[in-house]
């Protein structure tokens, strides 16, 4: 049974994002719930993909653990038996798709890191020879590995609006200091580099990804939200990679390709056909298995 929206009336609902529902548990902690909603082109689809939220949660937990020596993260626990009683009463809905996290002051910039040129970066490069107004060498082809890993931030849009790519020089003004902006960029690239080197050994190319950061009570930079999931990243099978064209992928590309094929207006929520739903979930599960060596039971 797919979970489109969680319903926990005894918890204070803070927000419903494109995928996550966020609840306040107490003055120091929040509950992140990964629903089975799926979005593309910043539009949430009408039907959900049953089990997708559980896969996303397990993928994030895997990366939180692998990357904990690079930067602290906001996780308190994912063990449902250790969660507060007012959370445990919703076990049927939430078990396997929820994490209890520390409250943070979330920074209003998405820290996008690109190792390959694809997506909106490729579209901009074809027009202007740049990505986020960063000059790149002439003659790059679609899906080519970039000469250096790029930090290409974007603003965070409200639901229904589109995130806006910005030049890295604009981050300091948004987050309040050049020192913090530099730390964000350095940390995001370090996280991407460690993760992409690990994934490469497992047969996956991480073409690009999006990190989110917050500040704790002592203003320490902290990794928050989801990490390196098929929703926030482009995962490509290394054995099928070939520069000069679009790539097969373990992420939402199946959904994006379908929407492009039907002339989707990138505004109106629609019902997805069963084969797009099942093929998308299969790709998410396959990515989890390749990264961790484990099967996921939904």
C-alpha atoms as a PDB file:
ATOM      1  CA  UNK A   1       0.000   0.000   0.000  1.00  0.00           C
ATOM      2  CA  UNK A   2       1.514   3.299  -1.083  1.00  0.00           C
ATOM      3  CA  UNK A   3       1.753   6.173   1.404  1.00  0.00           C
ATOM      4  CA  UNK A   4       0.830   9.359  -0.449  1.00  0.00           C
ATOM      5  CA  UNK A   5       0.414  11.496   2.679  1.00  0.00           C
ATOM      6  CA  UNK A   6       1.206  10.594   6.274  1.00  0.00           C
ATOM      7  CA  UNK A   7      -1.518  11.320   8.830  1.00  0.00           C
ATOM      8  CA  UNK A   8      -0.253  11.829  12.395  1.00  0.00           C
ATOM      9  CA  UNK A   9      -2.702  14.172  14.143  1.00  0.00           C
ATOM     10  CA  UNK A  10      -0.894  14.019  17.520  1.00  0.00           C
ATOM     11  CA  UNK A  11       2.288  15.376  15.915  1.00  0.00           C
ATOM     12  CA  UNK A  12       2.641  18.947  14.669  1.00  0.00           C
ATOM     13  CA  UNK A  13       2.946  18.937  10.870  1.00  0.00           C
ATOM     14  CA  UNK A  14       5.559  21.536   9.907  1.00  0.00           C
ATOM     15  CA  UNK A  15       5.629  20.989   6.153  1.00  0.00           C
ATOM     16  CA  UNK A  16       4.866  18.662   3.297  1.00  0.00           C
ATOM     17  CA  UNK A  17       7.613  18.756   0.694  1.00  0.00           C
ATOM     18  CA  UNK A  18       7.705  17.084  -2.695  1.00  0.00           C
ATOM     19  CA  UNK A  19       8.484  13.748  -1.020  1.00  0.00           C
ATOM     20  CA  UNK A  20       8.892  14.282   2.722  1.00  0.00           C
ATOM     21  CA  UNK A  21       6.444  15.120   5.470  1.00  0.00           C
ATOM     22  CA  UNK A  22       8.085  16.931   8.368  1.00  0.00           C
ATOM     23  CA  UNK A  23       6.735  16.856  11.933  1.00  0.00           C
ATOM     24  CA  UNK A  24       7.845  18.559  15.135  1.00  0.00           C
ATOM     25  CA  UNK A  25       8.316  15.968  17.908  1.00  0.00           C
ATOM     26  CA  UNK A  26       9.569  18.327  20.636  1.00  0.00           C
ATOM     27  CA  UNK A  27      11.593  21.538  20.948  1.00  0.00           C
ATOM     28  CA  UNK A  28      14.816  19.824  19.861  1.00  0.00           C
ATOM     29  CA  UNK A  29      13.765  17.154  17.372  1.00  0.00           C
ATOM     30  CA  UNK A  30      11.859  16.611  14.151  1.00  0.00           C
ATOM     31  CA  UNK A  31      10.526  13.550  12.357  1.00  0.00           C
ATOM     32  CA  UNK A  32      11.330  13.170   8.667  1.00  0.00           C
ATOM     33  CA  UNK A  33       8.869  10.873   6.887  1.00  0.00           C
ATOM     34  CA  UNK A  34       9.726   9.730   3.354  1.00  0.00           C
ATOM     35  CA  UNK A  35       6.362   9.198   1.649  1.00  0.00           C
ATOM     36  CA  UNK A  36       5.900   7.379  -1.651  1.00  0.00           C
ATOM     37  CA  UNK A  37       5.161  10.605  -3.537  1.00  0.00           C
ATOM     38  CA  UNK A  38       7.236  11.199  -6.644  1.00  0.00           C
ATOM     39  CA  UNK A  39       7.881  14.446  -8.464  1.00  0.00           C
ATOM     40  CA  UNK A  40       9.525  15.444 -11.709  1.00  0.00           C
ATOM     41  CA  UNK A  41      10.141  18.915 -13.118  1.00  0.00           C
ATOM     42  CA  UNK A  42       9.034  20.192  -9.676  1.00  0.00           C
ATOM     43  CA  UNK A  43       5.534  18.694 -10.120  1.00  0.00           C
ATOM     44  CA  UNK A  44       4.213  16.036  -7.703  1.00  0.00           C
ATOM     45  CA  UNK A  45       2.500  13.213  -9.574  1.00  0.00           C
ATOM     46  CA  UNK A  46      -1.041  12.083  -8.647  1.00  0.00           C
ATOM     47  CA  UNK A  47      -0.126   8.502  -7.784  1.00  0.00           C
ATOM     48  CA  UNK A  48       2.617   7.256  -5.486  1.00  0.00           C
ATOM     49  CA  UNK A  49       5.235   4.516  -5.911  1.00  0.00           C
ATOM     50  CA  UNK A  50       4.603   1.992  -3.131  1.00  0.00           C
ATOM     51  CA  UNK A  51       7.743   1.390  -1.063  1.00  0.00           C
ATOM     52  CA  UNK A  52       9.810   4.164  -2.632  1.00  0.00           C
ATOM     53  CA  UNK A  53       9.991   6.132   0.630  1.00  0.00           C
ATOM     54  CA  UNK A  54      11.420   3.106   2.444  1.00  0.00           C
ATOM     55  CA  UNK A  55      14.109   2.667  -0.219  1.00  0.00           C
ATOM     56  CA  UNK A  56      15.026   6.368  -0.013  1.00  0.00           C
ATOM     57  CA  UNK A  57      15.271   6.187   3.778  1.00  0.00           C
ATOM     58  CA  UNK A  58      17.562   3.138   3.716  1.00  0.00           C
ATOM     59  CA  UNK A  59      19.784   4.670   1.019  1.00  0.00           C
ATOM     60  CA  UNK A  60      20.153   7.885   3.048  1.00  0.00           C
ATOM     61  CA  UNK A  61      20.988   5.929   6.213  1.00  0.00           C
ATOM     62  CA  UNK A  62      23.682   4.015   4.340  1.00  0.00           C
ATOM     63  CA  UNK A  63      25.323   7.243   3.154  1.00  0.00           C
ATOM     64  CA  UNK A  64      24.961   9.019   6.515  1.00  0.00           C
ATOM     65  CA  UNK A  65      27.023   6.215   8.025  1.00  0.00           C
ATOM     66  CA  UNK A  66      29.619   6.095   5.230  1.00  0.00           C
ATOM     67  CA  UNK A  67      30.137   9.873   5.216  1.00  0.00           C
ATOM     68  CA  UNK A  68      30.006  10.598   8.952  1.00  0.00           C
ATOM     69  CA  UNK A  69      33.760  11.226   9.112  1.00  0.00           C
ATOM     70  CA  UNK A  70      33.436  14.050   6.537  1.00  0.00           C
ATOM     71  CA  UNK A  71      30.754  16.043   8.380  1.00  0.00           C
ATOM     72  CA  UNK A  72      28.283  15.447  11.240  1.00  0.00           C
ATOM     73  CA  UNK A  73      24.668  14.797  10.249  1.00  0.00           C
ATOM     74  CA  UNK A  74      21.309  15.480  11.865  1.00  0.00           C
ATOM     75  CA  UNK A  75      20.315  11.848  12.576  1.00  0.00           C
ATOM     76  CA  UNK A  76      19.238  10.925  16.130  1.00  0.00           C
ATOM     77  CA  UNK A  77      17.832   7.458  15.371  1.00  0.00           C
ATOM     78  CA  UNK A  78      16.087   5.406  12.699  1.00  0.00           C
ATOM     79  CA  UNK A  79      15.222   2.633  15.219  1.00  0.00           C
ATOM     80  CA  UNK A  80      11.465   2.893  15.581  1.00  0.00           C
ATOM     81  CA  UNK A  81      11.550   1.216  19.004  1.00  0.00           C
ATOM     82  CA  UNK A  82      13.721   4.092  20.277  1.00  0.00           C
ATOM     83  CA  UNK A  83      11.412   6.834  19.042  1.00  0.00           C
ATOM     84  CA  UNK A  84       9.101   8.753  21.397  1.00  0.00           C
ATOM     85  CA  UNK A  85       5.723   7.227  22.285  1.00  0.00           C
ATOM     86  CA  UNK A  86       3.835   9.904  20.335  1.00  0.00           C
ATOM     87  CA  UNK A  87       5.657   8.694  17.194  1.00  0.00           C
ATOM     88  CA  UNK A  88       5.422   4.970  17.902  1.00  0.00           C
ATOM     89  CA  UNK A  89       1.606   5.035  17.851  1.00  0.00           C
ATOM     90  CA  UNK A  90       1.882   5.588  14.066  1.00  0.00           C
ATOM     91  CA  UNK A  91       4.124   2.570  13.476  1.00  0.00           C
ATOM     92  CA  UNK A  92       1.882   1.133  10.726  1.00  0.00           C
ATOM     93  CA  UNK A  93       2.397   4.258   8.622  1.00  0.00           C
ATOM     94  CA  UNK A  94       5.910   5.274   9.562  1.00  0.00           C
ATOM     95  CA  UNK A  95       8.099   2.261  10.342  1.00  0.00           C
ATOM     96  CA  UNK A  96      10.954   1.913   7.847  1.00  0.00           C
ATOM     97  CA  UNK A  97      10.405   5.326   6.281  1.00  0.00           C
ATOM     98  CA  UNK A  98      11.082   7.701   9.177  1.00  0.00           C
ATOM     99  CA  UNK A  99      14.100   9.188  10.909  1.00  0.00           C
ATOM    100  CA  UNK A 100      14.228  11.209  14.107  1.00  0.00           C
ATOM    101  CA  UNK A 101      16.563  14.174  13.596  1.00  0.00           C
ATOM    102  CA  UNK A 102      17.944  17.176  15.465  1.00  0.00           C
ATOM    103  CA  UNK A 103      16.403  20.554  14.724  1.00  0.00           C
ATOM    104  CA  UNK A 104      18.723  22.706  12.635  1.00  0.00           C
ATOM    105  CA  UNK A 105      18.713  26.125  11.043  1.00  0.00           C
ATOM    106  CA  UNK A 106      18.582  24.917   7.454  1.00  0.00           C
ATOM    107  CA  UNK A 107      20.556  27.000   4.964  1.00  0.00           C
ATOM    108  CA  UNK A 108      18.410  28.252   2.050  1.00  0.00           C
ATOM    109  CA  UNK A 109      20.754  27.011  -0.685  1.00  0.00           C
ATOM    110  CA  UNK A 110      20.847  23.614  -2.376  1.00  0.00           C
ATOM    111  CA  UNK A 111      24.447  22.454  -2.650  1.00  0.00           C
ATOM    112  CA  UNK A 112      24.500  20.791  -6.068  1.00  0.00           C
ATOM    113  CA  UNK A 113      27.703  19.045  -7.113  1.00  0.00           C
ATOM    114  CA  UNK A 114      28.365  17.919 -10.675  1.00  0.00           C
ATOM    115  CA  UNK A 115      31.002  15.472 -11.860  1.00  0.00           C
ATOM    116  CA  UNK A 116      29.516  15.037 -15.340  1.00  0.00           C
ATOM    117  CA  UNK A 117      27.710  17.408 -17.669  1.00  0.00           C
ATOM    118  CA  UNK A 118      24.043  16.496 -18.009  1.00  0.00           C
ATOM    119  CA  UNK A 119      20.544  17.777 -17.287  1.00  0.00           C
ATOM    120  CA  UNK A 120      20.123  21.524 -16.798  1.00  0.00           C
ATOM    121  CA  UNK A 121      23.922  21.904 -16.823  1.00  0.00           C
ATOM    122  CA  UNK A 122      24.154  20.439 -20.325  1.00  0.00           C
ATOM    123  CA  UNK A 123      21.246  22.614 -21.501  1.00  0.00           C
ATOM    124  CA  UNK A 124      22.990  25.772 -20.244  1.00  0.00           C
ATOM    125  CA  UNK A 125      26.364  24.715 -21.666  1.00  0.00           C
ATOM    126  CA  UNK A 126      24.888  24.244 -25.146  1.00  0.00           C
ATOM    127  CA  UNK A 127      23.512  27.787 -25.021  1.00  0.00           C
ATOM    128  CA  UNK A 128      26.314  29.693 -23.299  1.00  0.00           C
ATOM    129  CA  UNK A 129      29.319  27.409 -22.749  1.00  0.00           C
ATOM    130  CA  UNK A 130      28.753  27.688 -18.978  1.00  0.00           C
ATOM    131  CA  UNK A 131      27.143  25.865 -16.040  1.00  0.00           C
ATOM    132  CA  UNK A 132      25.774  28.221 -13.363  1.00  0.00           C
ATOM    133  CA  UNK A 133      27.665  30.909 -15.300  1.00  0.00           C
ATOM    134  CA  UNK A 134      30.944  29.048 -14.641  1.00  0.00           C
ATOM    135  CA  UNK A 135      32.994  29.039 -17.864  1.00  0.00           C
ATOM    136  CA  UNK A 136      33.824  25.553 -19.145  1.00  0.00           C
ATOM    137  CA  UNK A 137      36.170  24.360 -21.922  1.00  0.00           C
ATOM    138  CA  UNK A 138      34.783  24.303 -25.453  1.00  0.00           C
ATOM    139  CA  UNK A 139      33.911  21.005 -27.113  1.00  0.00           C
ATOM    140  CA  UNK A 140      32.383  19.067 -24.199  1.00  0.00           C
ATOM    141  CA  UNK A 141      29.787  16.464 -25.178  1.00  0.00           C
ATOM    142  CA  UNK A 142      26.661  15.338 -23.325  1.00  0.00           C
ATOM    143  CA  UNK A 143      27.390  13.187 -20.245  1.00  0.00           C
ATOM    144  CA  UNK A 144      31.135  13.843 -20.429  1.00  0.00           C
ATOM    145  CA  UNK A 145      33.141  13.782 -17.211  1.00  0.00           C
ATOM    146  CA  UNK A 146      33.957  17.340 -16.226  1.00  0.00           C
ATOM    147  CA  UNK A 147      37.620  18.415 -15.976  1.00  0.00           C
ATOM    148  CA  UNK A 148      37.012  19.201 -12.292  1.00  0.00           C
ATOM    149  CA  UNK A 149      34.101  18.574  -9.941  1.00  0.00           C
ATOM    150  CA  UNK A 150      31.854  21.651  -9.872  1.00  0.00           C
ATOM    151  CA  UNK A 151      29.885  23.214  -7.003  1.00  0.00           C
ATOM    152  CA  UNK A 152      26.808  24.639  -8.748  1.00  0.00           C
ATOM    153  CA  UNK A 153      24.339  25.852  -6.103  1.00  0.00           C
ATOM    154  CA  UNK A 154      20.692  26.729  -6.532  1.00  0.00           C
ATOM    155  CA  UNK A 155      18.095  28.614  -4.558  1.00  0.00           C
ATOM    156  CA  UNK A 156      15.365  26.622  -2.824  1.00  0.00           C
ATOM    157  CA  UNK A 157      11.992  27.147  -4.436  1.00  0.00           C
ATOM    158  CA  UNK A 158       8.582  26.837  -2.841  1.00  0.00           C
ATOM    159  CA  UNK A 159       6.552  23.817  -4.006  1.00  0.00           C
ATOM    160  CA  UNK A 160       5.320  24.464  -7.520  1.00  0.00           C
ATOM    161  CA  UNK A 161       8.141  26.873  -8.342  1.00  0.00           C
ATOM    162  CA  UNK A 162      11.442  25.956  -9.949  1.00  0.00           C
ATOM    163  CA  UNK A 163      14.796  26.074  -8.176  1.00  0.00           C
ATOM    164  CA  UNK A 164      17.075  28.686  -9.728  1.00  0.00           C
ATOM    165  CA  UNK A 165      20.711  27.897 -10.479  1.00  0.00           C
ATOM    166  CA  UNK A 166      23.059  30.608  -9.186  1.00  0.00           C
ATOM    167  CA  UNK A 167      26.761  31.364  -9.506  1.00  0.00           C
ATOM    168  CA  UNK A 168      28.740  30.191  -6.430  1.00  0.00           C
ATOM    169  CA  UNK A 169      29.756  33.810  -5.741  1.00  0.00           C
ATOM    170  CA  UNK A 170      26.138  34.579  -4.769  1.00  0.00           C
ATOM    171  CA  UNK A 171      25.983  32.018  -1.935  1.00  0.00           C
ATOM    172  CA  UNK A 172      27.753  34.204   0.674  1.00  0.00           C
ATOM    173  CA  UNK A 173      25.088  36.904   0.447  1.00  0.00           C
ATOM    174  CA  UNK A 174      22.328  34.298   0.967  1.00  0.00           C
ATOM    175  CA  UNK A 175      23.906  32.391   3.890  1.00  0.00           C
ATOM    176  CA  UNK A 176      25.449  35.418   5.589  1.00  0.00           C
ATOM    177  CA  UNK A 177      29.213  34.998   5.207  1.00  0.00           C
ATOM    178  CA  UNK A 178      31.904  34.082   2.706  1.00  0.00           C
ATOM    179  CA  UNK A 179      33.468  31.727   5.234  1.00  0.00           C
ATOM    180  CA  UNK A 180      30.265  29.681   5.510  1.00  0.00           C
ATOM    181  CA  UNK A 181      29.767  29.715   1.727  1.00  0.00           C
ATOM    182  CA  UNK A 182      33.320  28.413   1.223  1.00  0.00           C
ATOM    183  CA  UNK A 183      32.805  25.715   3.859  1.00  0.00           C
ATOM    184  CA  UNK A 184      29.590  24.594   2.145  1.00  0.00           C
ATOM    185  CA  UNK A 185      31.292  24.323  -1.240  1.00  0.00           C
ATOM    186  CA  UNK A 186      34.361  22.517   0.118  1.00  0.00           C
ATOM    187  CA  UNK A 187      32.266  20.069   2.155  1.00  0.00           C
ATOM    188  CA  UNK A 188      29.831  19.346  -0.685  1.00  0.00           C
ATOM    189  CA  UNK A 189      32.702  18.518  -3.051  1.00  0.00           C
ATOM    190  CA  UNK A 190      34.375  16.355  -0.388  1.00  0.00           C
ATOM    191  CA  UNK A 191      31.128  14.440   0.212  1.00  0.00           C
ATOM    192  CA  UNK A 192      30.556  13.935  -3.509  1.00  0.00           C
ATOM    193  CA  UNK A 193      34.139  12.807  -4.085  1.00  0.00           C
ATOM    194  CA  UNK A 194      34.083  10.198  -1.319  1.00  0.00           C
ATOM    195  CA  UNK A 195      30.655   8.911  -2.352  1.00  0.00           C
ATOM    196  CA  UNK A 196      31.422   8.788  -6.068  1.00  0.00           C
ATOM    197  CA  UNK A 197      34.682   6.909  -5.467  1.00  0.00           C
ATOM    198  CA  UNK A 198      32.805   4.356  -3.358  1.00  0.00           C
ATOM    199  CA  UNK A 199      29.965   4.021  -5.895  1.00  0.00           C
ATOM    200  CA  UNK A 200      32.425   3.578  -8.784  1.00  0.00           C
ATOM    201  CA  UNK A 201      33.734   0.409  -7.110  1.00  0.00           C
ATOM    202  CA  UNK A 202      30.140  -0.868  -7.083  1.00  0.00           C
ATOM    203  CA  UNK A 203      29.518  -0.154 -10.762  1.00  0.00           C
ATOM    204  CA  UNK A 204      27.625   3.126 -10.356  1.00  0.00           C
ATOM    205  CA  UNK A 205      28.598   6.557 -11.670  1.00  0.00           C
ATOM    206  CA  UNK A 206      27.187   9.413  -9.590  1.00  0.00           C
ATOM    207  CA  UNK A 207      26.851  12.079 -12.270  1.00  0.00           C
ATOM    208  CA  UNK A 208      25.585  14.764  -9.922  1.00  0.00           C
ATOM    209  CA  UNK A 209      23.832  15.161  -6.597  1.00  0.00           C
ATOM    210  CA  UNK A 210      22.270  17.668  -4.242  1.00  0.00           C
ATOM    211  CA  UNK A 211      23.180  18.149  -0.581  1.00  0.00           C
ATOM    212  CA  UNK A 212      21.428  20.263   2.022  1.00  0.00           C
ATOM    213  CA  UNK A 213      23.124  21.747   5.054  1.00  0.00           C
ATOM    214  CA  UNK A 214      22.029  23.235   8.358  1.00  0.00           C
ATOM    215  CA  UNK A 215      23.651  24.847  11.382  1.00  0.00           C
ATOM    216  CA  UNK A 216      23.365  23.301  14.847  1.00  0.00           C
ATOM    217  CA  UNK A 217      23.003  25.237  18.105  1.00  0.00           C
ATOM    218  CA  UNK A 218      26.747  26.005  18.010  1.00  0.00           C
ATOM    219  CA  UNK A 219      26.617  27.087  14.352  1.00  0.00           C
ATOM    220  CA  UNK A 220      28.459  23.975  13.181  1.00  0.00           C
ATOM    221  CA  UNK A 221      27.766  22.971   9.584  1.00  0.00           C
ATOM    222  CA  UNK A 222      25.703  19.761   9.530  1.00  0.00           C
ATOM    223  CA  UNK A 223      24.439  17.482   6.766  1.00  0.00           C
ATOM    224  CA  UNK A 224      20.618  17.354   6.708  1.00  0.00           C
ATOM    225  CA  UNK A 225      17.685  16.045   4.678  1.00  0.00           C
ATOM    226  CA  UNK A 226      18.216  13.094   2.315  1.00  0.00           C
ATOM    227  CA  UNK A 227      21.648  12.098   1.066  1.00  0.00           C
ATOM    228  CA  UNK A 228      22.651  10.665  -2.318  1.00  0.00           C
ATOM    229  CA  UNK A 229      19.328   9.010  -3.076  1.00  0.00           C
ATOM    230  CA  UNK A 230      17.928   8.342  -6.554  1.00  0.00           C
ATOM    231  CA  UNK A 231      15.670  11.360  -5.936  1.00  0.00           C
ATOM    232  CA  UNK A 232      18.520  13.775  -5.234  1.00  0.00           C
ATOM    233  CA  UNK A 233      21.159  12.304  -7.573  1.00  0.00           C
ATOM    234  CA  UNK A 234      21.762  10.924 -11.036  1.00  0.00           C
ATOM    235  CA  UNK A 235      23.064   7.341 -10.788  1.00  0.00           C
ATOM    236  CA  UNK A 236      24.305   5.775 -14.041  1.00  0.00           C
ATOM    237  CA  UNK A 237      25.318   2.131 -14.616  1.00  0.00           C
ATOM    238  CA  UNK A 238      29.058   2.296 -15.285  1.00  0.00           C
ATOM    239  CA  UNK A 239      29.023  -0.666 -17.671  1.00  0.00           C
ATOM    240  CA  UNK A 240      26.643   1.165 -20.030  1.00  0.00           C
ATOM    241  CA  UNK A 241      28.239   4.608 -19.835  1.00  0.00           C
ATOM    242  CA  UNK A 242      29.177   6.314 -23.073  1.00  0.00           C
ATOM    243  CA  UNK A 243      29.857  10.030 -23.421  1.00  0.00           C
ATOM    244  CA  UNK A 244      28.046  11.860 -26.194  1.00  0.00           C
ATOM    245  CA  UNK A 245      24.489  10.822 -25.371  1.00  0.00           C
ATOM    246  CA  UNK A 246      21.962  10.599 -22.547  1.00  0.00           C
ATOM    247  CA  UNK A 247      22.535   7.715 -20.133  1.00  0.00           C
ATOM    248  CA  UNK A 248      20.482   4.913 -18.684  1.00  0.00           C
ATOM    249  CA  UNK A 249      19.989   5.549 -14.985  1.00  0.00           C
ATOM    250  CA  UNK A 250      18.884   4.244 -11.590  1.00  0.00           C
ATOM    251  CA  UNK A 251      16.915   7.336 -10.752  1.00  0.00           C
ATOM    252  CA  UNK A 252      13.826   9.237 -11.874  1.00  0.00           C
ATOM    253  CA  UNK A 253      15.051   9.366 -15.477  1.00  0.00           C
ATOM    254  CA  UNK A 254      12.500   6.676 -16.463  1.00  0.00           C
ATOM    255  CA  UNK A 255       9.784   9.025 -15.201  1.00  0.00           C
ATOM    256  CA  UNK A 256      11.335  12.107 -16.828  1.00  0.00           C
ATOM    257  CA  UNK A 257      11.702  10.291 -20.161  1.00  0.00           C
ATOM    258  CA  UNK A 258       8.075   9.170 -20.055  1.00  0.00           C
ATOM    259  CA  UNK A 259       6.858  12.695 -19.298  1.00  0.00           C
ATOM    260  CA  UNK A 260       8.968  14.152 -22.103  1.00  0.00           C
ATOM    261  CA  UNK A 261       7.594  11.518 -24.510  1.00  0.00           C
ATOM    262  CA  UNK A 262       3.983  12.580 -23.852  1.00  0.00           C
ATOM    263  CA  UNK A 263       4.716  16.294 -24.114  1.00  0.00           C
ATOM    264  CA  UNK A 264       4.208  16.915 -20.376  1.00  0.00           C
ATOM    265  CA  UNK A 265       3.550  20.607 -19.703  1.00  0.00           C
ATOM    266  CA  UNK A 266       5.745  20.609 -16.550  1.00  0.00           C
ATOM    267  CA  UNK A 267       2.901  22.180 -14.565  1.00  0.00           C
ATOM    268  CA  UNK A 268      -0.036  19.775 -14.247  1.00  0.00           C
ATOM    269  CA  UNK A 269      -0.035  16.724 -11.946  1.00  0.00           C
ATOM    270  CA  UNK A 270      -0.939  13.517 -13.808  1.00  0.00           C
ATOM    271  CA  UNK A 271      -1.566   9.822 -13.090  1.00  0.00           C
ATOM    272  CA  UNK A 272       1.396   7.623 -14.051  1.00  0.00           C
ATOM    273  CA  UNK A 273       0.872   4.290 -15.862  1.00  0.00           C
ATOM    274  CA  UNK A 274       1.588   1.088 -13.918  1.00  0.00           C
ATOM    275  CA  UNK A 275       4.683   0.167 -15.944  1.00  0.00           C
ATOM    276  CA  UNK A 276       6.360   3.539 -15.257  1.00  0.00           C
ATOM    277  CA  UNK A 277       5.618   3.100 -11.536  1.00  0.00           C
ATOM    278  CA  UNK A 278       6.981  -0.472 -11.330  1.00  0.00           C
ATOM    279  CA  UNK A 279      10.036   0.206 -13.522  1.00  0.00           C
ATOM    280  CA  UNK A 280      10.961   3.250 -11.434  1.00  0.00           C
ATOM    281  CA  UNK A 281      10.731   1.296  -8.159  1.00  0.00           C
ATOM    282  CA  UNK A 282      12.796  -1.554  -9.632  1.00  0.00           C
ATOM    283  CA  UNK A 283      15.568   0.895 -10.521  1.00  0.00           C
ATOM    284  CA  UNK A 284      15.576   2.353  -6.982  1.00  0.00           C
ATOM    285  CA  UNK A 285      15.808  -1.141  -5.460  1.00  0.00           C
ATOM    286  CA  UNK A 286      18.561  -2.130  -7.874  1.00  0.00           C
ATOM    287  CA  UNK A 287      20.614   0.931  -6.939  1.00  0.00           C
ATOM    288  CA  UNK A 288      20.237   0.103  -3.225  1.00  0.00           C
ATOM    289  CA  UNK A 289      21.351  -3.479  -3.840  1.00  0.00           C
ATOM    290  CA  UNK A 290      24.382  -2.461  -5.913  1.00  0.00           C
ATOM    291  CA  UNK A 291      25.508   0.131  -3.350  1.00  0.00           C
ATOM    292  CA  UNK A 292      24.998  -1.933  -0.195  1.00  0.00           C
ATOM    293  CA  UNK A 293      25.081  -5.563  -1.352  1.00  0.00           C
ATOM    294  CA  UNK A 294      21.766  -6.064   0.459  1.00  0.00           C
ATOM    295  CA  UNK A 295      18.224  -6.701  -0.709  1.00  0.00           C
ATOM    296  CA  UNK A 296      15.525  -4.404   0.637  1.00  0.00           C
ATOM    297  CA  UNK A 297      12.261  -5.875   1.886  1.00  0.00           C
ATOM    298  CA  UNK A 298       9.239  -3.633   1.397  1.00  0.00           C
END
